[in-house]
Amino acid sequence: MGFLILYSLILLITALWGIFVIRKNLIIILISFELFLLSLSLNFIIYSSYLDDIYGQVFTLAVVTIAGAESAIGLAILVSYHRIRNDISIDLINTLKG
């Protein structure tokens, strides 16, 4: 169990590093956010198994489902943004107006 918690911590640190340090590309930020949710889900599964409780696993299923939908919508927005600007740099994101 200790190895899985360490693995989840490594995933969390990698995700936070991708979100806060590498802030140039929107796809990297989207992937890092998904990695963050994966780390959270892994923690829920680990502690749900340790405590012999099903609620963590059910919550993980909900988180993974919502993360998949969020990823699909975010990727669609990024593809349309790339078609308009030919660049996915975060420096030019303030030019989007609704």
Protein backbone atom coordinates (compact mmCIF):
# COMPACT_ATOMS: atom_id res chain seq x y z
CA MET A 1 0.00 0.00 0.00
CA GLY A 2 2.90 2.35 0.70
CA PHE A 3 4.14 1.97 -2.87
CA LEU A 4 0.76 3.01 -4.27
CA ILE A 5 0.60 6.08 -2.07
CA LEU A 6 4.11 7.03 -3.18
CA TYR A 7 3.07 6.51 -6.80
CA SER A 8 0.03 8.71 -6.26
CA LEU A 9 2.23 11.39 -4.69
CA ILE A 10 4.57 11.28 -7.69
CA LEU A 11 1.56 11.69 -10.00
CA LEU A 12 0.34 14.63 -7.93
CA ILE A 13 3.72 16.38 -7.95
CA THR A 14 4.06 15.83 -11.70
CA ALA A 15 0.58 17.24 -12.29
CA LEU A 16 1.19 20.31 -10.15
CA TRP A 17 4.55 20.85 -11.84
CA GLY A 18 2.85 20.70 -15.23
CA ILE A 19 0.14 23.15 -14.20
CA PHE A 20 2.23 25.73 -12.36
CA VAL A 21 5.71 25.50 -13.91
CA ILE A 22 5.13 24.61 -17.57
CA ARG A 23 2.47 27.19 -18.38
CA LYS A 24 3.17 27.71 -22.08
CA ASN A 25 0.91 25.19 -23.77
CA LEU A 26 -2.77 24.64 -23.07
CA ILE A 27 -2.61 20.94 -23.94
CA ILE A 28 0.07 20.40 -21.29
CA ILE A 29 -2.13 22.14 -18.74
CA LEU A 30 -5.14 20.01 -19.73
CA ILE A 31 -3.11 16.79 -19.49
CA SER A 32 -1.68 17.89 -16.14
CA PHE A 33 -5.17 18.54 -14.82
CA GLU A 34 -6.23 15.06 -15.91
CA LEU A 35 -3.14 13.65 -14.20
CA PHE A 36 -4.17 15.51 -11.04
CA LEU A 37 -7.62 13.90 -11.17
CA LEU A 38 -6.02 10.50 -11.75
CA SER A 39 -3.87 10.96 -8.65
CA LEU A 40 -6.94 11.92 -6.65
CA SER A 41 -8.83 8.89 -7.92
CA LEU A 42 -5.95 6.58 -7.08
CA ASN A 43 -5.93 7.91 -3.52
CA PHE A 44 -9.67 7.30 -3.24
CA ILE A 45 -9.24 3.72 -4.43
CA ILE A 46 -6.29 3.05 -2.11
CA TYR A 47 -8.02 4.33 1.00
CA SER A 48 -11.33 2.75 0.00
CA SER A 49 -9.64 -0.61 -0.23
CA TYR A 50 -7.74 -0.03 3.03
CA LEU A 51 -10.87 0.97 4.95
CA ASP A 52 -12.98 -1.74 3.26
CA ASP A 53 -15.51 0.82 2.08
CA ILE A 54 -17.13 1.08 -1.36
CA TYR A 55 -17.80 4.84 -1.36
CA GLY A 56 -14.30 5.80 -2.49
CA GLN A 57 -14.54 3.50 -5.50
CA VAL A 58 -17.98 4.84 -6.46
CA PHE A 59 -16.71 8.40 -6.15
CA THR A 60 -13.70 7.47 -8.30
CA LEU A 61 -16.02 6.19 -11.00
CA ALA A 62 -17.88 9.51 -10.96
CA VAL A 63 -14.63 11.51 -11.05
CA VAL A 64 -13.26 9.52 -14.00
CA THR A 65 -16.53 9.91 -15.91
CA ILE A 66 -16.63 13.67 -15.39
CA ALA A 67 -12.90 13.98 -16.18
CA GLY A 68 -13.43 12.19 -19.49
CA ALA A 69 -16.24 14.55 -20.45
CA GLU A 70 -14.20 17.56 -19.36
CA SER A 71 -11.23 16.36 -21.37
CA ALA A 72 -13.33 15.87 -24.51
CA ILE A 73 -14.88 19.33 -24.24
CA GLY A 74 -11.53 20.97 -23.47
CA LEU A 75 -9.88 19.26 -26.40
CA ALA A 76 -12.68 20.37 -28.72
CA ILE A 77 -12.22 23.97 -27.56
CA LEU A 78 -8.46 23.71 -28.08
CA VAL A 79 -8.88 22.33 -31.61
CA SER A 80 -11.21 25.17 -32.57
CA TYR A 81 -8.83 27.69 -30.98
CA HIS A 82 -5.92 26.19 -32.91
CA ARG A 83 -7.87 26.46 -36.17
CA ILE A 84 -8.45 30.16 -35.57
CA ARG A 85 -5.02 31.20 -34.20
CA ASN A 86 -2.68 28.43 -35.50
CA ASP A 87 -1.10 28.42 -32.04
CA ILE A 88 -2.05 27.01 -28.66
CA SER A 89 0.09 29.32 -26.56
CA ILE A 90 -1.37 30.47 -23.27
CA ASP A 91 0.06 33.95 -23.81
CA LEU A 92 -2.60 34.73 -26.42
CA ILE A 93 -5.58 33.25 -24.56
CA ASN A 94 -6.78 36.69 -23.44
CA THR A 95 -7.67 37.46 -27.07
CA LEU A 96 -10.65 35.09 -26.84
CA LYS A 97 -13.84 37.03 -26.44
CA GLY A 98 -17.24 35.41 -25.99
